[in-house]
Amino acid sequence: MIYEIALFPVYPDRMDAFRHAFAAVTPLLRRAKGYGGHVLAQGVETPQLFNLIVRWQSLEDHTPGFEASDDHRMFMLGIQEYLSAEPSVYHVEGGDF
């Protein structure tokens, strides 16, 4: 099991709009091959930093899989105007929790 952790820095005055935009593009993520669930969590100490954790069957399902797809392009187009900087993404390996 692979977990993608994406950190989305959001403009402070756009956080509610970001949540709505993220909800609108979530179906693109959910239909990806190897997708196993996700959580979007807002930072406590840094509320403008949103953490997306996605469970994937394999690293290849996320990258190159989803990242190389038109669905990923549309996903990012749907949220990019709310981001104050480029998101950072990394992966960890682990079991279910």
PDB file of N, CA and C in Angstrom:
ATOM      1  N   MET A   1       0.847  -1.179   0.000  1.00  0.00           N
ATOM      2  CA  MET A   1       0.000   0.000   0.000  1.00  0.00           C
ATOM      3  C   MET A   1       0.892   1.241   0.000  1.00  0.00           C
ATOM      4  N   ILE A   2       0.584   2.177  -0.883  1.00  0.00           N
ATOM      5  CA  ILE A   2       1.334   3.427  -1.011  1.00  0.00           C
ATOM      6  C   ILE A   2       0.402   4.589  -0.657  1.00  0.00           C
ATOM      7  N   TYR A   3       0.928   5.534   0.078  1.00  0.00           N
ATOM      8  CA  TYR A   3       0.180   6.747   0.390  1.00  0.00           C
ATOM      9  C   TYR A   3       0.866   7.937  -0.262  1.00  0.00           C
ATOM     10  N   GLU A   4       0.102   8.652  -1.023  1.00  0.00           N
ATOM     11  CA  GLU A   4       0.554   9.924  -1.582  1.00  0.00           C
ATOM     12  C   GLU A   4       0.182  10.995  -0.575  1.00  0.00           C
ATOM     13  N   ILE A   5       1.118  11.859  -0.261  1.00  0.00           N
ATOM     14  CA  ILE A   5       0.838  12.994   0.610  1.00  0.00           C
ATOM     15  C   ILE A   5       1.131  14.249  -0.194  1.00  0.00           C
ATOM     16  N   ALA A   6       0.084  15.014  -0.453  1.00  0.00           N
ATOM     17  CA  ALA A   6       0.212  16.254  -1.221  1.00  0.00           C
ATOM     18  C   ALA A   6      -0.119  17.421  -0.298  1.00  0.00           C
ATOM     19  N   LEU A   7       0.754  18.396  -0.261  1.00  0.00           N
ATOM     20  CA  LEU A   7       0.563  19.589   0.561  1.00  0.00           C
ATOM     21  C   LEU A   7       0.153  20.739  -0.350  1.00  0.00           C
ATOM     22  N   PHE A   8      -1.051  21.247  -0.115  1.00  0.00           N
ATOM     23  CA  PHE A   8      -1.608  22.317  -0.939  1.00  0.00           C
ATOM     24  C   PHE A   8      -1.633  23.621  -0.148  1.00  0.00           C
ATOM     25  N   PRO A   9      -0.742  24.566  -0.467  1.00  0.00           N
ATOM     26  CA  PRO A   9      -0.796  25.878   0.167  1.00  0.00           C
ATOM     27  C   PRO A   9      -1.876  26.726  -0.511  1.00  0.00           C
ATOM     28  N   VAL A  10      -2.832  27.179   0.273  1.00  0.00           N
ATOM     29  CA  VAL A  10      -4.001  27.884  -0.259  1.00  0.00           C
ATOM     30  C   VAL A  10      -3.983  29.330   0.222  1.00  0.00           C
ATOM     31  N   TYR A  11      -4.391  30.246  -0.651  1.00  0.00           N
ATOM     32  CA  TYR A  11      -4.512  31.644  -0.241  1.00  0.00           C
ATOM     33  C   TYR A  11      -5.464  31.724   0.959  1.00  0.00           C
ATOM     34  N   PRO A  12      -5.080  32.445   2.013  1.00  0.00           N
ATOM     35  CA  PRO A  12      -5.918  32.498   3.218  1.00  0.00           C
ATOM     36  C   PRO A  12      -7.361  32.937   2.964  1.00  0.00           C
ATOM     37  N   ASP A  13      -7.574  33.836   2.028  1.00  0.00           N
ATOM     38  CA  ASP A  13      -8.932  34.323   1.765  1.00  0.00           C
ATOM     39  C   ASP A  13      -9.699  33.442   0.771  1.00  0.00           C
ATOM     40  N   ARG A  14      -9.105  32.313   0.369  1.00  0.00           N
ATOM     41  CA  ARG A  14      -9.735  31.437  -0.622  1.00  0.00           C
ATOM     42  C   ARG A  14      -9.972  30.018  -0.093  1.00  0.00           C
ATOM     43  N   MET A  15      -9.843  29.827   1.209  1.00  0.00           N
ATOM     44  CA  MET A  15      -9.912  28.470   1.764  1.00  0.00           C
ATOM     45  C   MET A  15     -11.281  27.818   1.568  1.00  0.00           C
ATOM     46  N   ASP A  16     -12.364  28.544   1.790  1.00  0.00           N
ATOM     47  CA  ASP A  16     -13.700  27.966   1.579  1.00  0.00           C
ATOM     48  C   ASP A  16     -13.925  27.638   0.106  1.00  0.00           C
ATOM     49  N   ALA A  17     -13.506  28.532  -0.766  1.00  0.00           N
ATOM     50  CA  ALA A  17     -13.651  28.283  -2.204  1.00  0.00           C
ATOM     51  C   ALA A  17     -12.814  27.080  -2.627  1.00  0.00           C
ATOM     52  N   PHE A  18     -11.624  26.917  -2.029  1.00  0.00           N
ATOM     53  CA  PHE A  18     -10.789  25.756  -2.332  1.00  0.00           C
ATOM     54  C   PHE A  18     -11.504  24.464  -1.954  1.00  0.00           C
ATOM     55  N   ARG A  19     -12.100  24.428  -0.774  1.00  0.00           N
ATOM     56  CA  ARG A  19     -12.828  23.223  -0.342  1.00  0.00           C
ATOM     57  C   ARG A  19     -13.918  22.854  -1.345  1.00  0.00           C
ATOM     58  N   HIS A  20     -14.656  23.842  -1.808  1.00  0.00           N
ATOM     59  CA  HIS A  20     -15.725  23.588  -2.788  1.00  0.00           C
ATOM     60  C   HIS A  20     -15.154  23.109  -4.121  1.00  0.00           C
ATOM     61  N   ALA A  21     -14.084  23.742  -4.570  1.00  0.00           N
ATOM     62  CA  ALA A  21     -13.454  23.338  -5.833  1.00  0.00           C
ATOM     63  C   ALA A  21     -12.892  21.924  -5.715  1.00  0.00           C
ATOM     64  N   PHE A  22     -12.295  21.619  -4.572  1.00  0.00           N
ATOM     65  CA  PHE A  22     -11.748  20.275  -4.374  1.00  0.00           C
ATOM     66  C   PHE A  22     -12.872  19.234  -4.426  1.00  0.00           C
ATOM     67  N   ALA A  23     -13.982  19.520  -3.779  1.00  0.00           N
ATOM     68  CA  ALA A  23     -15.124  18.593  -3.806  1.00  0.00           C
ATOM     69  C   ALA A  23     -15.618  18.368  -5.235  1.00  0.00           C
ATOM     70  N   ALA A  24     -15.566  19.403  -6.047  1.00  0.00           N
ATOM     71  CA  ALA A  24     -16.040  19.295  -7.433  1.00  0.00           C
ATOM     72  C   ALA A  24     -15.141  18.403  -8.284  1.00  0.00           C
ATOM     73  N   VAL A  25     -13.833  18.369  -8.005  1.00  0.00           N
ATOM     74  CA  VAL A  25     -12.918  17.566  -8.819  1.00  0.00           C
ATOM     75  C   VAL A  25     -12.626  16.186  -8.216  1.00  0.00           C
ATOM     76  N   THR A  26     -13.125  15.934  -7.020  1.00  0.00           N
ATOM     77  CA  THR A  26     -12.877  14.651  -6.357  1.00  0.00           C
ATOM     78  C   THR A  26     -13.289  13.440  -7.192  1.00  0.00           C
ATOM     79  N   PRO A  27     -14.403  13.477  -7.942  1.00  0.00           N
ATOM     80  CA  PRO A  27     -14.745  12.301  -8.762  1.00  0.00           C
ATOM     81  C   PRO A  27     -13.646  11.899  -9.753  1.00  0.00           C
ATOM     82  N   LEU A  28     -12.859  12.849 -10.219  1.00  0.00           N
ATOM     83  CA  LEU A  28     -11.753  12.536 -11.126  1.00  0.00           C
ATOM     84  C   LEU A  28     -10.713  11.667 -10.429  1.00  0.00           C
ATOM     85  N   LEU A  29     -10.470  11.949  -9.174  1.00  0.00           N
ATOM     86  CA  LEU A  29      -9.526  11.173  -8.375  1.00  0.00           C
ATOM     87  C   LEU A  29     -10.098   9.792  -8.059  1.00  0.00           C
ATOM     88  N   ARG A  30     -11.343   9.762  -7.645  1.00  0.00           N
ATOM     89  CA  ARG A  30     -11.969   8.504  -7.210  1.00  0.00           C
ATOM     90  C   ARG A  30     -12.026   7.440  -8.308  1.00  0.00           C
ATOM     91  N   ARG A  31     -12.089   7.857  -9.554  1.00  0.00           N
ATOM     92  CA  ARG A  31     -12.202   6.861 -10.624  1.00  0.00           C
ATOM     93  C   ARG A  31     -10.850   6.381 -11.151  1.00  0.00           C
ATOM     94  N   ALA A  32      -9.765   6.863 -10.568  1.00  0.00           N
ATOM     95  CA  ALA A  32      -8.432   6.472 -11.023  1.00  0.00           C
ATOM     96  C   ALA A  32      -8.133   5.014 -10.673  1.00  0.00           C
ATOM     97  N   LYS A  33      -7.426   4.339 -11.562  1.00  0.00           N
ATOM     98  CA  LYS A  33      -7.009   2.963 -11.321  1.00  0.00           C
ATOM     99  C   LYS A  33      -6.117   2.919 -10.076  1.00  0.00           C
ATOM    100  N   GLY A  34      -6.404   1.994  -9.178  1.00  0.00           N
ATOM    101  CA  GLY A  34      -5.596   1.810  -7.984  1.00  0.00           C
ATOM    102  C   GLY A  34      -5.951   2.712  -6.819  1.00  0.00           C
ATOM    103  N   TYR A  35      -6.914   3.618  -7.013  1.00  0.00           N
ATOM    104  CA  TYR A  35      -7.347   4.514  -5.944  1.00  0.00           C
ATOM    105  C   TYR A  35      -7.996   3.698  -4.831  1.00  0.00           C
ATOM    106  N   GLY A  36      -7.636   4.009  -3.576  1.00  0.00           N
ATOM    107  CA  GLY A  36      -8.190   3.269  -2.453  1.00  0.00           C
ATOM    108  C   GLY A  36      -8.786   4.130  -1.367  1.00  0.00           C
ATOM    109  N   GLY A  37      -8.965   5.410  -1.624  1.00  0.00           N
ATOM    110  CA  GLY A  37      -9.548   6.316  -0.640  1.00  0.00           C
ATOM    111  C   GLY A  37      -8.639   7.505  -0.397  1.00  0.00           C
ATOM    112  N   HIS A  38      -9.219   8.539   0.195  1.00  0.00           N
ATOM    113  CA  HIS A  38      -8.421   9.734   0.486  1.00  0.00           C
ATOM    114  C   HIS A  38      -9.021  10.494   1.663  1.00  0.00           C
ATOM    115  N   VAL A  39      -8.224  11.392   2.187  1.00  0.00           N
ATOM    116  CA  VAL A  39      -8.689  12.343   3.184  1.00  0.00           C
ATOM    117  C   VAL A  39      -8.030  13.686   2.870  1.00  0.00           C
ATOM    118  N   LEU A  40      -8.808  14.746   2.973  1.00  0.00           N
ATOM    119  CA  LEU A  40      -8.281  16.107   2.835  1.00  0.00           C
ATOM    120  C   LEU A  40      -8.362  16.732   4.218  1.00  0.00           C
ATOM    121  N   ALA A  41      -7.224  17.089   4.769  1.00  0.00           N
ATOM    122  CA  ALA A  41      -7.171  17.609   6.136  1.00  0.00           C
ATOM    123  C   ALA A  41      -6.528  18.987   6.145  1.00  0.00           C
ATOM    124  N   GLN A  42      -7.176  19.906   6.835  1.00  0.00           N
ATOM    125  CA  GLN A  42      -6.665  21.271   6.949  1.00  0.00           C
ATOM    126  C   GLN A  42      -5.719  21.355   8.144  1.00  0.00           C
ATOM    127  N   GLY A  43      -4.600  22.059   7.963  1.00  0.00           N
ATOM    128  CA  GLY A  43      -3.641  22.214   9.039  1.00  0.00           C
ATOM    129  C   GLY A  43      -4.242  22.952  10.233  1.00  0.00           C
ATOM    130  N   VAL A  44      -3.838  22.567  11.424  1.00  0.00           N
ATOM    131  CA  VAL A  44      -4.304  23.221  12.651  1.00  0.00           C
ATOM    132  C   VAL A  44      -3.464  24.468  12.908  1.00  0.00           C
ATOM    133  N   GLU A  45      -2.141  24.296  12.961  1.00  0.00           N
ATOM    134  CA  GLU A  45      -1.252  25.442  13.178  1.00  0.00           C
ATOM    135  C   GLU A  45      -1.135  26.319  11.942  1.00  0.00           C
ATOM    136  N   THR A  46      -1.301  25.719  10.782  1.00  0.00           N
ATOM    137  CA  THR A  46      -1.213  26.436   9.506  1.00  0.00           C
ATOM    138  C   THR A  46      -2.470  26.131   8.699  1.00  0.00           C
ATOM    139  N   PRO A  47      -3.587  26.795   9.003  1.00  0.00           N
ATOM    140  CA  PRO A  47      -4.854  26.455   8.354  1.00  0.00           C
ATOM    141  C   PRO A  47      -4.868  26.673   6.843  1.00  0.00           C
ATOM    142  N   GLN A  48      -3.942  27.448   6.314  1.00  0.00           N
ATOM    143  CA  GLN A  48      -3.888  27.659   4.865  1.00  0.00           C
ATOM    144  C   GLN A  48      -3.164  26.508   4.149  1.00  0.00           C
ATOM    145  N   LEU A  49      -2.674  25.519   4.905  1.00  0.00           N
ATOM    146  CA  LEU A  49      -2.003  24.368   4.314  1.00  0.00           C
ATOM    147  C   LEU A  49      -2.921  23.150   4.435  1.00  0.00           C
ATOM    148  N   PHE A  50      -3.372  22.660   3.283  1.00  0.00           N
ATOM    149  CA  PHE A  50      -4.238  21.486   3.230  1.00  0.00           C
ATOM    150  C   PHE A  50      -3.389  20.269   2.879  1.00  0.00           C
ATOM    151  N   ASN A  51      -3.649  19.173   3.549  1.00  0.00           N
ATOM    152  CA  ASN A  51      -2.925  17.919   3.351  1.00  0.00           C
ATOM    153  C   ASN A  51      -3.872  16.917   2.701  1.00  0.00           C
ATOM    154  N   LEU A  52      -3.512  16.453   1.529  1.00  0.00           N
ATOM    155  CA  LEU A  52      -4.282  15.415   0.854  1.00  0.00           C
ATOM    156  C   LEU A  52      -3.503  14.115   0.999  1.00  0.00           C
ATOM    157  N   ILE A  53      -4.156  13.114   1.575  1.00  0.00           N
ATOM    158  CA  ILE A  53      -3.546  11.796   1.709  1.00  0.00           C
ATOM    159  C   ILE A  53      -4.394  10.836   0.883  1.00  0.00           C
ATOM    160  N   VAL A  54      -3.769  10.207  -0.105  1.00  0.00           N
ATOM    161  CA  VAL A  54      -4.464   9.287  -0.995  1.00  0.00           C
ATOM    162  C   VAL A  54      -3.815   7.909  -0.876  1.00  0.00           C
ATOM    163  N   ARG A  55      -4.642   6.899  -0.701  1.00  0.00           N
ATOM    164  CA  ARG A  55      -4.156   5.517  -0.668  1.00  0.00           C
ATOM    165  C   ARG A  55      -4.208   4.947  -2.088  1.00  0.00           C
ATOM    166  N   TRP A  56      -3.082   4.412  -2.542  1.00  0.00           N
ATOM    167  CA  TRP A  56      -2.956   3.807  -3.862  1.00  0.00           C
ATOM    168  C   TRP A  56      -2.516   2.360  -3.705  1.00  0.00           C
ATOM    169  N   GLN A  57      -2.941   1.505  -4.631  1.00  0.00           N
ATOM    170  CA  GLN A  57      -2.498   0.110  -4.621  1.00  0.00           C
ATOM    171  C   GLN A  57      -0.996   0.015  -4.878  1.00  0.00           C
ATOM    172  N   SER A  58      -0.480   0.874  -5.751  1.00  0.00           N
ATOM    173  CA  SER A  58       0.949   0.862  -6.065  1.00  0.00           C
ATOM    174  C   SER A  58       1.397   2.272  -6.423  1.00  0.00           C
ATOM    175  N   LEU A  59       2.680   2.494  -6.368  1.00  0.00           N
ATOM    176  CA  LEU A  59       3.229   3.788  -6.771  1.00  0.00           C
ATOM    177  C   LEU A  59       2.919   4.057  -8.233  1.00  0.00           C
ATOM    178  N   GLU A  60       2.981   3.034  -9.057  1.00  0.00           N
ATOM    179  CA  GLU A  60       2.723   3.186 -10.487  1.00  0.00           C
ATOM    180  C   GLU A  60       1.291   3.624 -10.768  1.00  0.00           C
ATOM    181  N   ASP A  61       0.351   3.258  -9.891  1.00  0.00           N
ATOM    182  CA  ASP A  61      -1.027   3.720 -10.074  1.00  0.00           C
ATOM    183  C   ASP A  61      -1.115   5.240  -9.951  1.00  0.00           C
ATOM    184  N   HIS A  62      -0.291   5.809  -9.070  1.00  0.00           N
ATOM    185  CA  HIS A  62      -0.301   7.262  -8.937  1.00  0.00           C
ATOM    186  C   HIS A  62       0.601   7.919  -9.967  1.00  0.00           C
ATOM    187  N   THR A  63       1.849   7.453  -9.999  1.00  0.00           N
ATOM    188  CA  THR A  63       2.811   8.032 -10.924  1.00  0.00           C
ATOM    189  C   THR A  63       3.572   6.904 -11.608  1.00  0.00           C
ATOM    190  N   PRO A  64       3.412   6.717 -12.864  1.00  0.00           N
ATOM    191  CA  PRO A  64       2.899   7.643 -13.853  1.00  0.00           C
ATOM    192  C   PRO A  64       1.382   7.605 -14.043  1.00  0.00           C
ATOM    193  N   GLY A  65       0.692   6.591 -13.545  1.00  0.00           N
ATOM    194  CA  GLY A  65      -0.737   6.393 -13.782  1.00  0.00           C
ATOM    195  C   GLY A  65      -1.594   7.647 -13.767  1.00  0.00           C
ATOM    196  N   PHE A  66      -2.086   8.020 -12.602  1.00  0.00           N
ATOM    197  CA  PHE A  66      -2.997   9.157 -12.491  1.00  0.00           C
ATOM    198  C   PHE A  66      -2.328  10.462 -12.905  1.00  0.00           C
ATOM    199  N   GLU A  67      -1.087  10.661 -12.506  1.00  0.00           N
ATOM    200  CA  GLU A  67      -0.416  11.939 -12.817  1.00  0.00           C
ATOM    201  C   GLU A  67      -0.268  12.189 -14.312  1.00  0.00           C
ATOM    202  N   ALA A  68      -0.206  11.140 -15.096  1.00  0.00           N
ATOM    203  CA  ALA A  68      -0.042  11.301 -16.548  1.00  0.00           C
ATOM    204  C   ALA A  68      -1.385  11.378 -17.284  1.00  0.00           C
ATOM    205  N   SER A  69      -2.475  11.344 -16.546  1.00  0.00           N
ATOM    206  CA  SER A  69      -3.799  11.260 -17.181  1.00  0.00           C
ATOM    207  C   SER A  69      -4.439  12.627 -17.406  1.00  0.00           C
ATOM    208  N   ASP A  70      -5.410  12.652 -18.307  1.00  0.00           N
ATOM    209  CA  ASP A  70      -6.218  13.855 -18.507  1.00  0.00           C
ATOM    210  C   ASP A  70      -7.026  14.180 -17.259  1.00  0.00           C
ATOM    211  N   ASP A  71      -7.450  13.144 -16.516  1.00  0.00           N
ATOM    212  CA  ASP A  71      -8.189  13.385 -15.274  1.00  0.00           C
ATOM    213  C   ASP A  71      -7.341  14.175 -14.278  1.00  0.00           C
ATOM    214  N   HIS A  72      -6.052  13.858 -14.183  1.00  0.00           N
ATOM    215  CA  HIS A  72      -5.169  14.609 -13.280  1.00  0.00           C
ATOM    216  C   HIS A  72      -5.034  16.057 -13.750  1.00  0.00           C
ATOM    217  N   ARG A  73      -4.905  16.234 -15.049  1.00  0.00           N
ATOM    218  CA  ARG A  73      -4.799  17.601 -15.581  1.00  0.00           C
ATOM    219  C   ARG A  73      -6.047  18.403 -15.232  1.00  0.00           C
ATOM    220  N   MET A  74      -7.211  17.801 -15.400  1.00  0.00           N
ATOM    221  CA  MET A  74      -8.468  18.480 -15.076  1.00  0.00           C
ATOM    222  C   MET A  74      -8.608  18.705 -13.559  1.00  0.00           C
ATOM    223  N   PHE A  75      -8.145  17.748 -12.775  1.00  0.00           N
ATOM    224  CA  PHE A  75      -8.149  17.866 -11.315  1.00  0.00           C
ATOM    225  C   PHE A  75      -7.355  19.110 -10.901  1.00  0.00           C
ATOM    226  N   MET A  76      -6.150  19.230 -11.415  1.00  0.00           N
ATOM    227  CA  MET A  76      -5.298  20.360 -11.047  1.00  0.00           C
ATOM    228  C   MET A  76      -5.842  21.685 -11.588  1.00  0.00           C
ATOM    229  N   LEU A  77      -6.398  21.676 -12.793  1.00  0.00           N
ATOM    230  CA  LEU A  77      -7.004  22.897 -13.339  1.00  0.00           C
ATOM    231  C   LEU A  77      -8.144  23.395 -12.445  1.00  0.00           C
ATOM    232  N   GLY A  78      -8.856  22.458 -11.830  1.00  0.00           N
ATOM    233  CA  GLY A  78      -9.982  22.821 -10.982  1.00  0.00           C
ATOM    234  C   GLY A  78      -9.606  23.459  -9.671  1.00  0.00           C
ATOM    235  N   ILE A  79      -8.359  23.265  -9.220  1.00  0.00           N
ATOM    236  CA  ILE A  79      -7.961  23.826  -7.915  1.00  0.00           C
ATOM    237  C   ILE A  79      -6.814  24.829  -7.990  1.00  0.00           C
ATOM    238  N   GLN A  80      -6.145  24.934  -9.134  1.00  0.00           N
ATOM    239  CA  GLN A  80      -4.913  25.718  -9.197  1.00  0.00           C
ATOM    240  C   GLN A  80      -5.085  27.201  -8.861  1.00  0.00           C
ATOM    241  N   GLU A  81      -6.223  27.790  -9.160  1.00  0.00           N
ATOM    242  CA  GLU A  81      -6.381  29.225  -8.890  1.00  0.00           C
ATOM    243  C   GLU A  81      -6.429  29.546  -7.393  1.00  0.00           C
ATOM    244  N   TYR A  82      -6.595  28.528  -6.555  1.00  0.00           N
ATOM    245  CA  TYR A  82      -6.669  28.726  -5.106  1.00  0.00           C
ATOM    246  C   TYR A  82      -5.328  28.506  -4.420  1.00  0.00           C
ATOM    247  N   LEU A  83      -4.359  27.993  -5.155  1.00  0.00           N
ATOM    248  CA  LEU A  83      -3.060  27.655  -4.584  1.00  0.00           C
ATOM    249  C   LEU A  83      -2.120  28.851  -4.600  1.00  0.00           C
ATOM    250  N   SER A  84      -1.501  29.110  -3.450  1.00  0.00           N
ATOM    251  CA  SER A  84      -0.576  30.243  -3.331  1.00  0.00           C
ATOM    252  C   SER A  84       0.836  29.876  -3.770  1.00  0.00           C
ATOM    253  N   ALA A  85       1.106  28.594  -3.929  1.00  0.00           N
ATOM    254  CA  ALA A  85       2.414  28.106  -4.382  1.00  0.00           C
ATOM    255  C   ALA A  85       2.205  26.701  -4.953  1.00  0.00           C
ATOM    256  N   GLU A  86       3.241  26.180  -5.564  1.00  0.00           N
ATOM    257  CA  GLU A  86       3.180  24.821  -6.100  1.00  0.00           C
ATOM    258  C   GLU A  86       2.981  23.825  -4.952  1.00  0.00           C
ATOM    259  N   PRO A  87       2.134  22.836  -5.155  1.00  0.00           N
ATOM    260  CA  PRO A  87       2.007  21.802  -4.123  1.00  0.00           C
ATOM    261  C   PRO A  87       3.263  20.937  -4.077  1.00  0.00           C
ATOM    262  N   SER A  88       3.524  20.374  -2.919  1.00  0.00           N
ATOM    263  CA  SER A  88       4.608  19.396  -2.818  1.00  0.00           C
ATOM    264  C   SER A  88       3.976  18.032  -2.578  1.00  0.00           C
ATOM    265  N   VAL A  89       4.576  17.023  -3.178  1.00  0.00           N
ATOM    266  CA  VAL A  89       4.023  15.673  -3.124  1.00  0.00           C
ATOM    267  C   VAL A  89       5.150  14.696  -2.793  1.00  0.00           C
ATOM    268  N   TYR A  90       4.840  13.768  -1.897  1.00  0.00           N
ATOM    269  CA  TYR A  90       5.759  12.676  -1.642  1.00  0.00           C
ATOM    270  C   TYR A  90       4.949  11.432  -1.312  1.00  0.00           C
ATOM    271  N   HIS A  91       5.611  10.300  -1.214  1.00  0.00           N
ATOM    272  CA  HIS A  91       4.957   9.015  -1.014  1.00  0.00           C
ATOM    273  C   HIS A  91       5.555   8.304   0.192  1.00  0.00           C
ATOM    274  N   VAL A  92       4.729   7.552   0.885  1.00  0.00           N
ATOM    275  CA  VAL A  92       5.174   6.687   1.956  1.00  0.00           C
ATOM    276  C   VAL A  92       4.542   5.319   1.751  1.00  0.00           C
ATOM    277  N   GLU A  93       5.176   4.317   2.303  1.00  0.00           N
ATOM    278  CA  GLU A  93       4.662   2.963   2.194  1.00  0.00           C
ATOM    279  C   GLU A  93       4.177   2.516   3.556  1.00  0.00           C
ATOM    280  N   GLY A  94       3.060   1.812   3.577  1.00  0.00           N
ATOM    281  CA  GLY A  94       2.562   1.330   4.854  1.00  0.00           C
ATOM    282  C   GLY A  94       1.290   0.536   4.677  1.00  0.00           C
ATOM    283  N   GLY A  95       0.777   0.045   5.776  1.00  0.00           N
ATOM    284  CA  GLY A  95      -0.455  -0.722   5.774  1.00  0.00           C
ATOM    285  C   GLY A  95      -1.654   0.168   6.008  1.00  0.00           C
ATOM    286  N   ASP A  96      -2.814  -0.467   6.130  1.00  0.00           N
ATOM    287  CA  ASP A  96      -4.039   0.278   6.413  1.00  0.00           C
ATOM    288  C   ASP A  96      -3.999   0.860   7.816  1.00  0.00           C
ATOM    289  N   PHE A  97      -4.720   1.944   7.980  1.00  0.00           N
ATOM    290  CA  PHE A  97      -4.895   2.504   9.326  1.00  0.00           C
ATOM    291  C   PHE A  97      -6.306   2.952   9.508  1.00  0.00           C
TER     292      PHE A  97
END
